[in-house]
Amino acid sequence: MILFLLLILFILWELYKRYFPVAGIHCEDILKINFTDVEVIDVRDYNISYKDVIEKSINIPVAYLERYCYEIPDKKVHVVALNRLEKNVAIRILRRKGFQVTGYTVSDSQKFIEELAVK
């Protein structure tokens, strides 16, 4: 019975880490970011991010983020992700590594695609 309860708690914890939004982090417009104060981290996969390149950003896919977080300068961080799941996982990893995440942008939205086309 206790093993079953621990298994349920483990599953609930994993679901929480992936699907529940991170408190205190808000969606921001990528064009309104001051690139001198904030480092933009693109956590989309390489085969997606090369199509919509974000100038002055560091591309580290979320799967490699724990291994290569030392490449990120010690500044405030803005996360660009493909979807909300990537965003949640990346923000939690970056916070655990000691980075101050100021905001995020989800790139699967039509608004994001139109903004990059205007650039």
PDB file of N, CA and C in Angstrom:
ATOM      1  N   MET A   1       0.815  -1.189   0.000  1.00  0.00           N
ATOM      2  CA  MET A   1       0.000   0.000   0.000  1.00  0.00           C
ATOM      3  C   MET A   1       0.864   1.261   0.000  1.00  0.00           C
ATOM      4  N   ILE A   2       1.912   1.258   0.833  1.00  0.00           N
ATOM      5  CA  ILE A   2       2.799   2.413   0.898  1.00  0.00           C
ATOM      6  C   ILE A   2       3.563   2.566  -0.413  1.00  0.00           C
ATOM      7  N   LEU A   3       3.961   1.473  -1.005  1.00  0.00           N
ATOM      8  CA  LEU A   3       4.643   1.522  -2.296  1.00  0.00           C
ATOM      9  C   LEU A   3       3.739   2.125  -3.368  1.00  0.00           C
ATOM     10  N   PHE A   4       2.476   1.747  -3.354  1.00  0.00           N
ATOM     11  CA  PHE A   4       1.513   2.308  -4.306  1.00  0.00           C
ATOM     12  C   PHE A   4       1.344   3.813  -4.098  1.00  0.00           C
ATOM     13  N   LEU A   5       1.268   4.247  -2.843  1.00  0.00           N
ATOM     14  CA  LEU A   5       1.141   5.666  -2.527  1.00  0.00           C
ATOM     15  C   LEU A   5       2.383   6.449  -2.974  1.00  0.00           C
ATOM     16  N   LEU A   6       3.564   5.881  -2.754  1.00  0.00           N
ATOM     17  CA  LEU A   6       4.795   6.526  -3.209  1.00  0.00           C
ATOM     18  C   LEU A   6       4.851   6.621  -4.731  1.00  0.00           C
ATOM     19  N   LEU A   7       4.388   5.606  -5.408  1.00  0.00           N
ATOM     20  CA  LEU A   7       4.345   5.621  -6.868  1.00  0.00           C
ATOM     21  C   LEU A   7       3.403   6.712  -7.371  1.00  0.00           C
ATOM     22  N   ILE A   8       2.263   6.856  -6.766  1.00  0.00           N
ATOM     23  CA  ILE A   8       1.298   7.906  -7.136  1.00  0.00           C
ATOM     24  C   ILE A   8       1.894   9.285  -6.886  1.00  0.00           C
ATOM     25  N   LEU A   9       2.552   9.474  -5.750  1.00  0.00           N
ATOM     26  CA  LEU A   9       3.184  10.760  -5.441  1.00  0.00           C
ATOM     27  C   LEU A   9       4.293  11.090  -6.429  1.00  0.00           C
ATOM     28  N   PHE A  10       5.069  10.098  -6.820  1.00  0.00           N
ATOM     29  CA  PHE A  10       6.124  10.303  -7.807  1.00  0.00           C
ATOM     30  C   PHE A  10       5.549  10.727  -9.159  1.00  0.00           C
ATOM     31  N   ILE A  11       4.495  10.063  -9.579  1.00  0.00           N
ATOM     32  CA  ILE A  11       3.853  10.400 -10.854  1.00  0.00           C
ATOM     33  C   ILE A  11       3.270  11.807 -10.807  1.00  0.00           C
ATOM     34  N   LEU A  12       2.613  12.149  -9.711  1.00  0.00           N
ATOM     35  CA  LEU A  12       2.059  13.499  -9.578  1.00  0.00           C
ATOM     36  C   LEU A  12       3.154  14.557  -9.588  1.00  0.00           C
ATOM     37  N   TRP A  13       4.285  14.293  -8.938  1.00  0.00           N
ATOM     38  CA  TRP A  13       5.391  15.239  -8.929  1.00  0.00           C
ATOM     39  C   TRP A  13       5.954  15.453 -10.337  1.00  0.00           C
ATOM     40  N   GLU A  14       6.122  14.383 -11.083  1.00  0.00           N
ATOM     41  CA  GLU A  14       6.636  14.491 -12.452  1.00  0.00           C
ATOM     42  C   GLU A  14       5.661  15.251 -13.346  1.00  0.00           C
ATOM     43  N   LEU A  15       4.390  15.006 -13.184  1.00  0.00           N
ATOM     44  CA  LEU A  15       3.395  15.753 -13.963  1.00  0.00           C
ATOM     45  C   LEU A  15       3.407  17.230 -13.590  1.00  0.00           C
ATOM     46  N   TYR A  16       3.574  17.531 -12.327  1.00  0.00           N
ATOM     47  CA  TYR A  16       3.644  18.915 -11.873  1.00  0.00           C
ATOM     48  C   TYR A  16       4.831  19.641 -12.507  1.00  0.00           C
ATOM     49  N   LYS A  17       6.007  19.008 -12.512  1.00  0.00           N
ATOM     50  CA  LYS A  17       7.203  19.645 -13.051  1.00  0.00           C
ATOM     51  C   LYS A  17       7.071  19.946 -14.547  1.00  0.00           C
ATOM     52  N   ARG A  18       6.354  19.129 -15.266  1.00  0.00           N
ATOM     53  CA  ARG A  18       6.259  19.315 -16.707  1.00  0.00           C
ATOM     54  C   ARG A  18       5.110  20.221 -17.128  1.00  0.00           C
ATOM     55  N   TYR A  19       3.961  20.079 -16.520  1.00  0.00           N
ATOM     56  CA  TYR A  19       2.757  20.699 -17.066  1.00  0.00           C
ATOM     57  C   TYR A  19       2.242  21.916 -16.317  1.00  0.00           C
ATOM     58  N   PHE A  20       2.646  22.126 -15.075  1.00  0.00           N
ATOM     59  CA  PHE A  20       2.164  23.293 -14.343  1.00  0.00           C
ATOM     60  C   PHE A  20       3.100  24.470 -14.575  1.00  0.00           C
ATOM     61  N   PRO A  21       2.542  25.649 -14.848  1.00  0.00           N
ATOM     62  CA  PRO A  21       3.384  26.819 -15.118  1.00  0.00           C
ATOM     63  C   PRO A  21       4.221  27.214 -13.909  1.00  0.00           C
ATOM     64  N   VAL A  22       5.357  27.817 -14.205  1.00  0.00           N
ATOM     65  CA  VAL A  22       6.250  28.293 -13.159  1.00  0.00           C
ATOM     66  C   VAL A  22       5.712  29.627 -12.658  1.00  0.00           C
ATOM     67  N   ALA A  23       5.548  29.749 -11.367  1.00  0.00           N
ATOM     68  CA  ALA A  23       4.972  30.965 -10.781  1.00  0.00           C
ATOM     69  C   ALA A  23       5.947  32.137 -10.896  1.00  0.00           C
ATOM     70  N   GLY A  24       5.412  33.302 -11.209  1.00  0.00           N
ATOM     71  CA  GLY A  24       6.206  34.517 -11.238  1.00  0.00           C
ATOM     72  C   GLY A  24       6.900  34.818 -12.545  1.00  0.00           C
ATOM     73  N   ILE A  25       6.786  33.961 -13.528  1.00  0.00           N
ATOM     74  CA  ILE A  25       7.416  34.176 -14.837  1.00  0.00           C
ATOM     75  C   ILE A  25       6.308  34.462 -15.841  1.00  0.00           C
ATOM     76  N   HIS A  26       6.456  35.571 -16.564  1.00  0.00           N
ATOM     77  CA  HIS A  26       5.395  35.999 -17.471  1.00  0.00           C
ATOM     78  C   HIS A  26       5.867  35.986 -18.921  1.00  0.00           C
ATOM     79  N   CYS A  27       4.911  35.835 -19.814  1.00  0.00           N
ATOM     80  CA  CYS A  27       5.177  35.866 -21.252  1.00  0.00           C
ATOM     81  C   CYS A  27       5.494  37.306 -21.655  1.00  0.00           C
ATOM     82  N   GLU A  28       6.567  37.481 -22.421  1.00  0.00           N
ATOM     83  CA  GLU A  28       6.979  38.803 -22.868  1.00  0.00           C
ATOM     84  C   GLU A  28       7.195  38.793 -24.370  1.00  0.00           C
ATOM     85  N   ASP A  29       7.050  39.971 -24.962  1.00  0.00           N
ATOM     86  CA  ASP A  29       7.280  40.147 -26.388  1.00  0.00           C
ATOM     87  C   ASP A  29       8.781  40.118 -26.654  1.00  0.00           C
ATOM     88  N   ILE A  30       9.219  39.303 -27.590  1.00  0.00           N
ATOM     89  CA  ILE A  30      10.645  39.153 -27.876  1.00  0.00           C
ATOM     90  C   ILE A  30      11.252  40.446 -28.407  1.00  0.00           C
ATOM     91  N   LEU A  31      10.457  41.287 -29.047  1.00  0.00           N
ATOM     92  CA  LEU A  31      10.969  42.535 -29.614  1.00  0.00           C
ATOM     93  C   LEU A  31      11.163  43.621 -28.560  1.00  0.00           C
ATOM     94  N   LYS A  32      10.580  43.468 -27.393  1.00  0.00           N
ATOM     95  CA  LYS A  32      10.684  44.483 -26.341  1.00  0.00           C
ATOM     96  C   LYS A  32      11.775  44.177 -25.315  1.00  0.00           C
ATOM     97  N   ILE A  33      12.591  43.180 -25.585  1.00  0.00           N
ATOM     98  CA  ILE A  33      13.630  42.771 -24.644  1.00  0.00           C
ATOM     99  C   ILE A  33      14.882  43.619 -24.871  1.00  0.00           C
ATOM    100  N   ASN A  34      15.478  44.084 -23.786  1.00  0.00           N
ATOM    101  CA  ASN A  34      16.732  44.819 -23.850  1.00  0.00           C
ATOM    102  C   ASN A  34      17.866  43.790 -23.843  1.00  0.00           C
ATOM    103  N   PHE A  35      18.505  43.593 -24.985  1.00  0.00           N
ATOM    104  CA  PHE A  35      19.510  42.547 -25.124  1.00  0.00           C
ATOM    105  C   PHE A  35      20.802  42.842 -24.367  1.00  0.00           C
ATOM    106  N   THR A  36      20.973  44.056 -23.869  1.00  0.00           N
ATOM    107  CA  THR A  36      22.178  44.347 -23.090  1.00  0.00           C
ATOM    108  C   THR A  36      22.059  43.837 -21.657  1.00  0.00           C
ATOM    109  N   ASP A  37      20.846  43.779 -21.139  1.00  0.00           N
ATOM    110  CA  ASP A  37      20.632  43.339 -19.762  1.00  0.00           C
ATOM    111  C   ASP A  37      20.252  41.868 -19.648  1.00  0.00           C
ATOM    112  N   VAL A  38      19.676  41.318 -20.726  1.00  0.00           N
ATOM    113  CA  VAL A  38      19.106  39.971 -20.672  1.00  0.00           C
ATOM    114  C   VAL A  38      19.715  39.103 -21.774  1.00  0.00           C
ATOM    115  N   GLU A  39      20.041  37.870 -21.422  1.00  0.00           N
ATOM    116  CA  GLU A  39      20.526  36.896 -22.402  1.00  0.00           C
ATOM    117  C   GLU A  39      19.347  36.041 -22.857  1.00  0.00           C
ATOM    118  N   VAL A  40      19.137  35.942 -24.156  1.00  0.00           N
ATOM    119  CA  VAL A  40      18.034  35.146 -24.698  1.00  0.00           C
ATOM    120  C   VAL A  40      18.536  33.731 -24.949  1.00  0.00           C
ATOM    121  N   ILE A  41      17.853  32.764 -24.349  1.00  0.00           N
ATOM    122  CA  ILE A  41      18.196  31.355 -24.492  1.00  0.00           C
ATOM    123  C   ILE A  41      17.097  30.687 -25.302  1.00  0.00           C
ATOM    124  N   ASP A  42      17.451  30.184 -26.466  1.00  0.00           N
ATOM    125  CA  ASP A  42      16.519  29.496 -27.350  1.00  0.00           C
ATOM    126  C   ASP A  42      16.616  28.008 -27.046  1.00  0.00           C
ATOM    127  N   VAL A  43      15.584  27.448 -26.421  1.00  0.00           N
ATOM    128  CA  VAL A  43      15.620  26.036 -26.027  1.00  0.00           C
ATOM    129  C   VAL A  43      14.884  25.138 -27.008  1.00  0.00           C
ATOM    130  N   ARG A  44      14.547  25.696 -28.171  1.00  0.00           N
ATOM    131  CA  ARG A  44      13.919  24.871 -29.201  1.00  0.00           C
ATOM    132  C   ARG A  44      14.968  23.941 -29.805  1.00  0.00           C
ATOM    133  N   ASP A  45      14.514  22.851 -30.390  1.00  0.00           N
ATOM    134  CA  ASP A  45      15.413  21.889 -31.002  1.00  0.00           C
ATOM    135  C   ASP A  45      16.122  22.524 -32.197  1.00  0.00           C
ATOM    136  N   TYR A  46      17.312  22.026 -32.528  1.00  0.00           N
ATOM    137  CA  TYR A  46      18.106  22.609 -33.608  1.00  0.00           C
ATOM    138  C   TYR A  46      17.366  22.608 -34.954  1.00  0.00           C
ATOM    139  N   ASN A  47      16.653  21.523 -35.250  1.00  0.00           N
ATOM    140  CA  ASN A  47      15.981  21.440 -36.547  1.00  0.00           C
ATOM    141  C   ASN A  47      14.796  22.391 -36.667  1.00  0.00           C
ATOM    142  N   ILE A  48      14.361  22.992 -35.589  1.00  0.00           N
ATOM    143  CA  ILE A  48      13.290  23.986 -35.618  1.00  0.00           C
ATOM    144  C   ILE A  48      13.867  25.395 -35.529  1.00  0.00           C
ATOM    145  N   SER A  49      14.864  25.580 -34.691  1.00  0.00           N
ATOM    146  CA  SER A  49      15.387  26.931 -34.456  1.00  0.00           C
ATOM    147  C   SER A  49      16.177  27.480 -35.632  1.00  0.00           C
ATOM    148  N   TYR A  50      16.721  26.628 -36.493  1.00  0.00           N
ATOM    149  CA  TYR A  50      17.478  27.164 -37.615  1.00  0.00           C
ATOM    150  C   TYR A  50      16.567  27.806 -38.651  1.00  0.00           C
ATOM    151  N   LYS A  51      15.291  27.461 -38.641  1.00  0.00           N
ATOM    152  CA  LYS A  51      14.341  28.065 -39.582  1.00  0.00           C
ATOM    153  C   LYS A  51      13.947  29.472 -39.148  1.00  0.00           C
ATOM    154  N   ASP A  52      13.782  29.689 -37.853  1.00  0.00           N
ATOM    155  CA  ASP A  52      13.411  30.989 -37.293  1.00  0.00           C
ATOM    156  C   ASP A  52      14.527  31.443 -36.356  1.00  0.00           C
ATOM    157  N   VAL A  53      15.590  31.948 -36.934  1.00  0.00           N
ATOM    158  CA  VAL A  53      16.753  32.340 -36.149  1.00  0.00           C
ATOM    159  C   VAL A  53      16.451  33.605 -35.363  1.00  0.00           C
ATOM    160  N   ILE A  54      16.810  33.594 -34.101  1.00  0.00           N
ATOM    161  CA  ILE A  54      16.666  34.766 -33.245  1.00  0.00           C
ATOM    162  C   ILE A  54      18.059  35.353 -33.067  1.00  0.00           C
ATOM    163  N   GLU A  55      18.230  36.579 -33.543  1.00  0.00           N
ATOM    164  CA  GLU A  55      19.526  37.254 -33.457  1.00  0.00           C
ATOM    165  C   GLU A  55      19.939  37.406 -31.992  1.00  0.00           C
ATOM    166  N   LYS A  56      21.219  37.283 -31.726  1.00  0.00           N
ATOM    167  CA  LYS A  56      21.816  37.484 -30.402  1.00  0.00           C
ATOM    168  C   LYS A  56      21.272  36.522 -29.349  1.00  0.00           C
ATOM    169  N   SER A  57      20.928  35.322 -29.759  1.00  0.00           N
ATOM    170  CA  SER A  57      20.457  34.339 -28.783  1.00  0.00           C
ATOM    171  C   SER A  57      21.411  33.152 -28.743  1.00  0.00           C
ATOM    172  N   ILE A  58      21.353  32.429 -27.655  1.00  0.00           N
ATOM    173  CA  ILE A  58      22.127  31.201 -27.503  1.00  0.00           C
ATOM    174  C   ILE A  58      21.167  30.040 -27.674  1.00  0.00           C
ATOM    175  N   ASN A  59      21.467  29.147 -28.614  1.00  0.00           N
ATOM    176  CA  ASN A  59      20.592  28.006 -28.858  1.00  0.00           C
ATOM    177  C   ASN A  59      21.125  26.785 -28.131  1.00  0.00           C
ATOM    178  N   ILE A  60      20.420  26.398 -27.082  1.00  0.00           N
ATOM    179  CA  ILE A  60      20.718  25.165 -26.344  1.00  0.00           C
ATOM    180  C   ILE A  60      19.393  24.440 -26.166  1.00  0.00           C
ATOM    181  N   PRO A  61      19.160  23.364 -26.921  1.00  0.00           N
ATOM    182  CA  PRO A  61      17.902  22.639 -26.762  1.00  0.00           C
ATOM    183  C   PRO A  61      17.698  22.173 -25.328  1.00  0.00           C
ATOM    184  N   VAL A  62      16.450  22.082 -24.951  1.00  0.00           N
ATOM    185  CA  VAL A  62      16.108  21.755 -23.566  1.00  0.00           C
ATOM    186  C   VAL A  62      16.709  20.413 -23.146  1.00  0.00           C
ATOM    187  N   ALA A  63      16.891  19.493 -24.072  1.00  0.00           N
ATOM    188  CA  ALA A  63      17.475  18.200 -23.740  1.00  0.00           C
ATOM    189  C   ALA A  63      18.943  18.319 -23.341  1.00  0.00           C
ATOM    190  N   TYR A  64      19.636  19.352 -23.815  1.00  0.00           N
ATOM    191  CA  TYR A  64      21.049  19.552 -23.523  1.00  0.00           C
ATOM    192  C   TYR A  64      21.296  20.652 -22.492  1.00  0.00           C
ATOM    193  N   LEU A  65      20.260  21.223 -21.953  1.00  0.00           N
ATOM    194  CA  LEU A  65      20.378  22.404 -21.109  1.00  0.00           C
ATOM    195  C   LEU A  65      21.173  22.144 -19.831  1.00  0.00           C
ATOM    196  N   GLU A  66      20.962  21.032 -19.196  1.00  0.00           N
ATOM    197  CA  GLU A  66      21.701  20.736 -17.963  1.00  0.00           C
ATOM    198  C   GLU A  66      23.188  20.572 -18.236  1.00  0.00           C
ATOM    199  N   ARG A  67      23.541  19.968 -19.369  1.00  0.00           N
ATOM    200  CA  ARG A  67      24.940  19.736 -19.700  1.00  0.00           C
ATOM    201  C   ARG A  67      25.687  20.993 -20.114  1.00  0.00           C
ATOM    202  N   TYR A  68      24.993  21.895 -20.844  1.00  0.00           N
ATOM    203  CA  TYR A  68      25.673  23.049 -21.425  1.00  0.00           C
ATOM    204  C   TYR A  68      25.252  24.382 -20.816  1.00  0.00           C
ATOM    205  N   CYS A  69      24.715  24.365 -19.625  1.00  0.00           N
ATOM    206  CA  CYS A  69      24.304  25.627 -19.000  1.00  0.00           C
ATOM    207  C   CYS A  69      25.501  26.492 -18.636  1.00  0.00           C
ATOM    208  N   TYR A  70      26.695  25.932 -18.573  1.00  0.00           N
ATOM    209  CA  TYR A  70      27.882  26.732 -18.284  1.00  0.00           C
ATOM    210  C   TYR A  70      28.213  27.696 -19.423  1.00  0.00           C
ATOM    211  N   GLU A  71      27.654  27.487 -20.625  1.00  0.00           N
ATOM    212  CA  GLU A  71      27.879  28.378 -21.762  1.00  0.00           C
ATOM    213  C   GLU A  71      27.048  29.661 -21.664  1.00  0.00           C
ATOM    214  N   ILE A  72      26.107  29.705 -20.742  1.00  0.00           N
ATOM    215  CA  ILE A  72      25.245  30.868 -20.586  1.00  0.00           C
ATOM    216  C   ILE A  72      25.953  31.877 -19.686  1.00  0.00           C
ATOM    217  N   PRO A  73      26.090  33.134 -20.145  1.00  0.00           N
ATOM    218  CA  PRO A  73      26.714  34.152 -19.292  1.00  0.00           C
ATOM    219  C   PRO A  73      25.890  34.396 -18.030  1.00  0.00           C
ATOM    220  N   ASP A  74      26.541  34.931 -17.035  1.00  0.00           N
ATOM    221  CA  ASP A  74      25.888  35.191 -15.757  1.00  0.00           C
ATOM    222  C   ASP A  74      25.085  36.484 -15.839  1.00  0.00           C
ATOM    223  N   LYS A  75      23.941  36.405 -16.483  1.00  0.00           N
ATOM    224  CA  LYS A  75      23.035  37.535 -16.659  1.00  0.00           C
ATOM    225  C   LYS A  75      21.618  37.041 -16.415  1.00  0.00           C
ATOM    226  N   LYS A  76      20.669  37.966 -16.464  1.00  0.00           N
ATOM    227  CA  LYS A  76      19.273  37.560 -16.435  1.00  0.00           C
ATOM    228  C   LYS A  76      18.972  36.827 -17.744  1.00  0.00           C
ATOM    229  N   VAL A  77      18.001  35.929 -17.708  1.00  0.00           N
ATOM    230  CA  VAL A  77      17.732  35.048 -18.840  1.00  0.00           C
ATOM    231  C   VAL A  77      16.286  35.176 -19.289  1.00  0.00           C
ATOM    232  N   HIS A  78      16.088  35.173 -20.610  1.00  0.00           N
ATOM    233  CA  HIS A  78      14.765  35.108 -21.218  1.00  0.00           C
ATOM    234  C   HIS A  78      14.733  33.829 -22.046  1.00  0.00           C
ATOM    235  N   VAL A  79      13.701  33.010 -21.878  1.00  0.00           N
ATOM    236  CA  VAL A  79      13.609  31.706 -22.526  1.00  0.00           C
ATOM    237  C   VAL A  79      12.673  31.779 -23.733  1.00  0.00           C
ATOM    238  N   VAL A  80      13.134  31.235 -24.862  1.00  0.00           N
ATOM    239  CA  VAL A  80      12.288  31.067 -26.043  1.00  0.00           C
ATOM    240  C   VAL A  80      12.111  29.572 -26.236  1.00  0.00           C
ATOM    241  N   ALA A  81      10.856  29.108 -26.193  1.00  0.00           N
ATOM    242  CA  ALA A  81      10.561  27.682 -26.292  1.00  0.00           C
ATOM    243  C   ALA A  81       9.526  27.433 -27.381  1.00  0.00           C
ATOM    244  N   LEU A  82       9.454  26.200 -27.833  1.00  0.00           N
ATOM    245  CA  LEU A  82       8.493  25.834 -28.867  1.00  0.00           C
ATOM    246  C   LEU A  82       7.088  25.702 -28.299  1.00  0.00           C
ATOM    247  N   ASN A  83       6.977  25.170 -27.105  1.00  0.00           N
ATOM    248  CA  ASN A  83       5.658  24.983 -26.499  1.00  0.00           C
ATOM    249  C   ASN A  83       5.761  25.167 -24.987  1.00  0.00           C
ATOM    250  N   ARG A  84       4.640  25.087 -24.318  1.00  0.00           N
ATOM    251  CA  ARG A  84       4.608  25.346 -22.881  1.00  0.00           C
ATOM    252  C   ARG A  84       5.331  24.265 -22.070  1.00  0.00           C
ATOM    253  N   LEU A  85       5.336  23.038 -22.543  1.00  0.00           N
ATOM    254  CA  LEU A  85       6.044  21.977 -21.848  1.00  0.00           C
ATOM    255  C   LEU A  85       7.543  22.257 -21.835  1.00  0.00           C
ATOM    256  N   GLU A  86       8.120  22.614 -22.991  1.00  0.00           N
ATOM    257  CA  GLU A  86       9.539  22.966 -23.056  1.00  0.00           C
ATOM    258  C   GLU A  86       9.846  24.166 -22.164  1.00  0.00           C
ATOM    259  N   LYS A  87       8.953  25.136 -22.179  1.00  0.00           N
ATOM    260  CA  LYS A  87       9.134  26.339 -21.380  1.00  0.00           C
ATOM    261  C   LYS A  87       9.202  25.995 -19.894  1.00  0.00           C
ATOM    262  N   ASN A  88       8.271  25.194 -19.406  1.00  0.00           N
ATOM    263  CA  ASN A  88       8.239  24.829 -17.988  1.00  0.00           C
ATOM    264  C   ASN A  88       9.496  24.074 -17.572  1.00  0.00           C
ATOM    265  N   VAL A  89       9.894  23.101 -18.384  1.00  0.00           N
ATOM    266  CA  VAL A  89      11.073  22.297 -18.047  1.00  0.00           C
ATOM    267  C   VAL A  89      12.335  23.160 -18.070  1.00  0.00           C
ATOM    268  N   ALA A  90      12.479  24.008 -19.102  1.00  0.00           N
ATOM    269  CA  ALA A  90      13.680  24.839 -19.227  1.00  0.00           C
ATOM    270  C   ALA A  90      13.790  25.846 -18.085  1.00  0.00           C
ATOM    271  N   ILE A  91      12.693  26.484 -17.732  1.00  0.00           N
ATOM    272  CA  ILE A  91      12.734  27.467 -16.652  1.00  0.00           C
ATOM    273  C   ILE A  91      13.097  26.797 -15.333  1.00  0.00           C
ATOM    274  N   ARG A  92      12.555  25.627 -15.083  1.00  0.00           N
ATOM    275  CA  ARG A  92      12.881  24.932 -13.831  1.00  0.00           C
ATOM    276  C   ARG A  92      14.354  24.510 -13.791  1.00  0.00           C
ATOM    277  N   ILE A  93      14.891  24.064 -14.920  1.00  0.00           N
ATOM    278  CA  ILE A  93      16.310  23.692 -14.970  1.00  0.00           C
ATOM    279  C   ILE A  93      17.183  24.918 -14.731  1.00  0.00           C
ATOM    280  N   LEU A  94      16.873  26.014 -15.423  1.00  0.00           N
ATOM    281  CA  LEU A  94      17.684  27.223 -15.281  1.00  0.00           C
ATOM    282  C   LEU A  94      17.621  27.782 -13.861  1.00  0.00           C
ATOM    283  N   ARG A  95      16.465  27.767 -13.262  1.00  0.00           N
ATOM    284  CA  ARG A  95      16.351  28.236 -11.872  1.00  0.00           C
ATOM    285  C   ARG A  95      17.152  27.351 -10.928  1.00  0.00           C
ATOM    286  N   ARG A  96      17.104  26.058 -11.146  1.00  0.00           N
ATOM    287  CA  ARG A  96      17.855  25.129 -10.294  1.00  0.00           C
ATOM    288  C   ARG A  96      19.361  25.356 -10.428  1.00  0.00           C
ATOM    289  N   LYS A  97      19.801  25.795 -11.621  1.00  0.00           N
ATOM    290  CA  LYS A  97      21.228  26.066 -11.858  1.00  0.00           C
ATOM    291  C   LYS A  97      21.632  27.461 -11.397  1.00  0.00           C
ATOM    292  N   GLY A  98      20.675  28.248 -10.881  1.00  0.00           N
ATOM    293  CA  GLY A  98      21.012  29.533 -10.294  1.00  0.00           C
ATOM    294  C   GLY A  98      20.786  30.742 -11.183  1.00  0.00           C
ATOM    295  N   PHE A  99      20.149  30.583 -12.335  1.00  0.00           N
ATOM    296  CA  PHE A  99      19.885  31.697 -13.233  1.00  0.00           C
ATOM    297  C   PHE A  99      18.584  32.394 -12.841  1.00  0.00           C
ATOM    298  N   GLN A 100      18.545  33.712 -13.078  1.00  0.00           N
ATOM    299  CA  GLN A 100      17.337  34.484 -12.819  1.00  0.00           C
ATOM    300  C   GLN A 100      16.582  34.609 -14.142  1.00  0.00           C
ATOM    301  N   VAL A 101      15.471  33.908 -14.255  1.00  0.00           N
ATOM    302  CA  VAL A 101      14.657  33.922 -15.472  1.00  0.00           C
ATOM    303  C   VAL A 101      13.665  35.074 -15.364  1.00  0.00           C
ATOM    304  N   THR A 102      13.709  35.982 -16.347  1.00  0.00           N
ATOM    305  CA  THR A 102      12.850  37.168 -16.305  1.00  0.00           C
ATOM    306  C   THR A 102      11.550  36.977 -17.073  1.00  0.00           C
ATOM    307  N   GLY A 103      11.545  36.108 -18.078  1.00  0.00           N
ATOM    308  CA  GLY A 103      10.336  35.914 -18.866  1.00  0.00           C
ATOM    309  C   GLY A 103      10.537  34.823 -19.896  1.00  0.00           C
ATOM    310  N   TYR A 104       9.511  34.630 -20.705  1.00  0.00           N
ATOM    311  CA  TYR A 104       9.573  33.597 -21.735  1.00  0.00           C
ATOM    312  C   TYR A 104       8.761  34.032 -22.955  1.00  0.00           C
ATOM    313  N   THR A 105       9.035  33.378 -24.071  1.00  0.00           N
ATOM    314  CA  THR A 105       8.259  33.533 -25.289  1.00  0.00           C
ATOM    315  C   THR A 105       8.019  32.136 -25.847  1.00  0.00           C
ATOM    316  N   VAL A 106       6.767  31.840 -26.181  1.00  0.00           N
ATOM    317  CA  VAL A 106       6.429  30.557 -26.787  1.00  0.00           C
ATOM    318  C   VAL A 106       6.353  30.787 -28.287  1.00  0.00           C
ATOM    319  N   SER A 107       7.168  30.060 -29.034  1.00  0.00           N
ATOM    320  CA  SER A 107       7.316  30.342 -30.461  1.00  0.00           C
ATOM    321  C   SER A 107       6.306  29.650 -31.351  1.00  0.00           C
ATOM    322  N   ASP A 108       5.437  28.817 -30.819  1.00  0.00           N
ATOM    323  CA  ASP A 108       4.460  28.170 -31.690  1.00  0.00           C
ATOM    324  C   ASP A 108       3.256  29.057 -31.969  1.00  0.00           C
ATOM    325  N   SER A 109       3.240  30.234 -31.360  1.00  0.00           N
ATOM    326  CA  SER A 109       2.119  31.133 -31.587  1.00  0.00           C
ATOM    327  C   SER A 109       2.299  31.871 -32.912  1.00  0.00           C
ATOM    328  N   GLN A 110       1.202  32.205 -33.534  1.00  0.00           N
ATOM    329  CA  GLN A 110       1.231  32.907 -34.813  1.00  0.00           C
ATOM    330  C   GLN A 110       1.834  34.300 -34.642  1.00  0.00           C
ATOM    331  N   LYS A 111       1.617  34.924 -33.504  1.00  0.00           N
ATOM    332  CA  LYS A 111       2.149  36.262 -33.244  1.00  0.00           C
ATOM    333  C   LYS A 111       3.673  36.252 -33.295  1.00  0.00           C
ATOM    334  N   PHE A 112       4.293  35.229 -32.737  1.00  0.00           N
ATOM    335  CA  PHE A 112       5.740  35.128 -32.748  1.00  0.00           C
ATOM    336  C   PHE A 112       6.269  34.990 -34.170  1.00  0.00           C
ATOM    337  N   ILE A 113       5.617  34.173 -34.972  1.00  0.00           N
ATOM    338  CA  ILE A 113       6.054  33.954 -36.349  1.00  0.00           C
ATOM    339  C   ILE A 113       5.944  35.258 -37.149  1.00  0.00           C
ATOM    340  N   GLU A 114       4.876  36.013 -36.936  1.00  0.00           N
ATOM    341  CA  GLU A 114       4.705  37.286 -37.638  1.00  0.00           C
ATOM    342  C   GLU A 114       5.754  38.296 -37.210  1.00  0.00           C
ATOM    343  N   GLU A 115       6.124  38.315 -35.930  1.00  0.00           N
ATOM    344  CA  GLU A 115       7.141  39.255 -35.445  1.00  0.00           C
ATOM    345  C   GLU A 115       8.495  38.955 -36.064  1.00  0.00           C
ATOM    346  N   LEU A 116       8.840  37.681 -36.194  1.00  0.00           N
ATOM    347  CA  LEU A 116      10.115  37.340 -36.811  1.00  0.00           C
ATOM    348  C   LEU A 116      10.135  37.682 -38.291  1.00  0.00           C
ATOM    349  N   ALA A 117       8.986  37.592 -38.952  1.00  0.00           N
ATOM    350  CA  ALA A 117       8.905  37.918 -40.367  1.00  0.00           C
ATOM    351  C   ALA A 117       9.106  39.419 -40.581  1.00  0.00           C
ATOM    352  N   VAL A 118       8.672  40.241 -39.635  1.00  0.00           N
ATOM    353  CA  VAL A 118       8.828  41.693 -39.745  1.00  0.00           C
ATOM    354  C   VAL A 118      10.288  42.084 -39.598  1.00  0.00           C
ATOM    355  N   LYS A 119      11.022  41.370 -38.762  1.00  0.00           N
ATOM    356  CA  LYS A 119      12.463  41.645 -38.564  1.00  0.00           C
ATOM    357  C   LYS A 119      13.136  41.542 -39.884  1.00  0.00           C
TER     358      LYS A 119
END
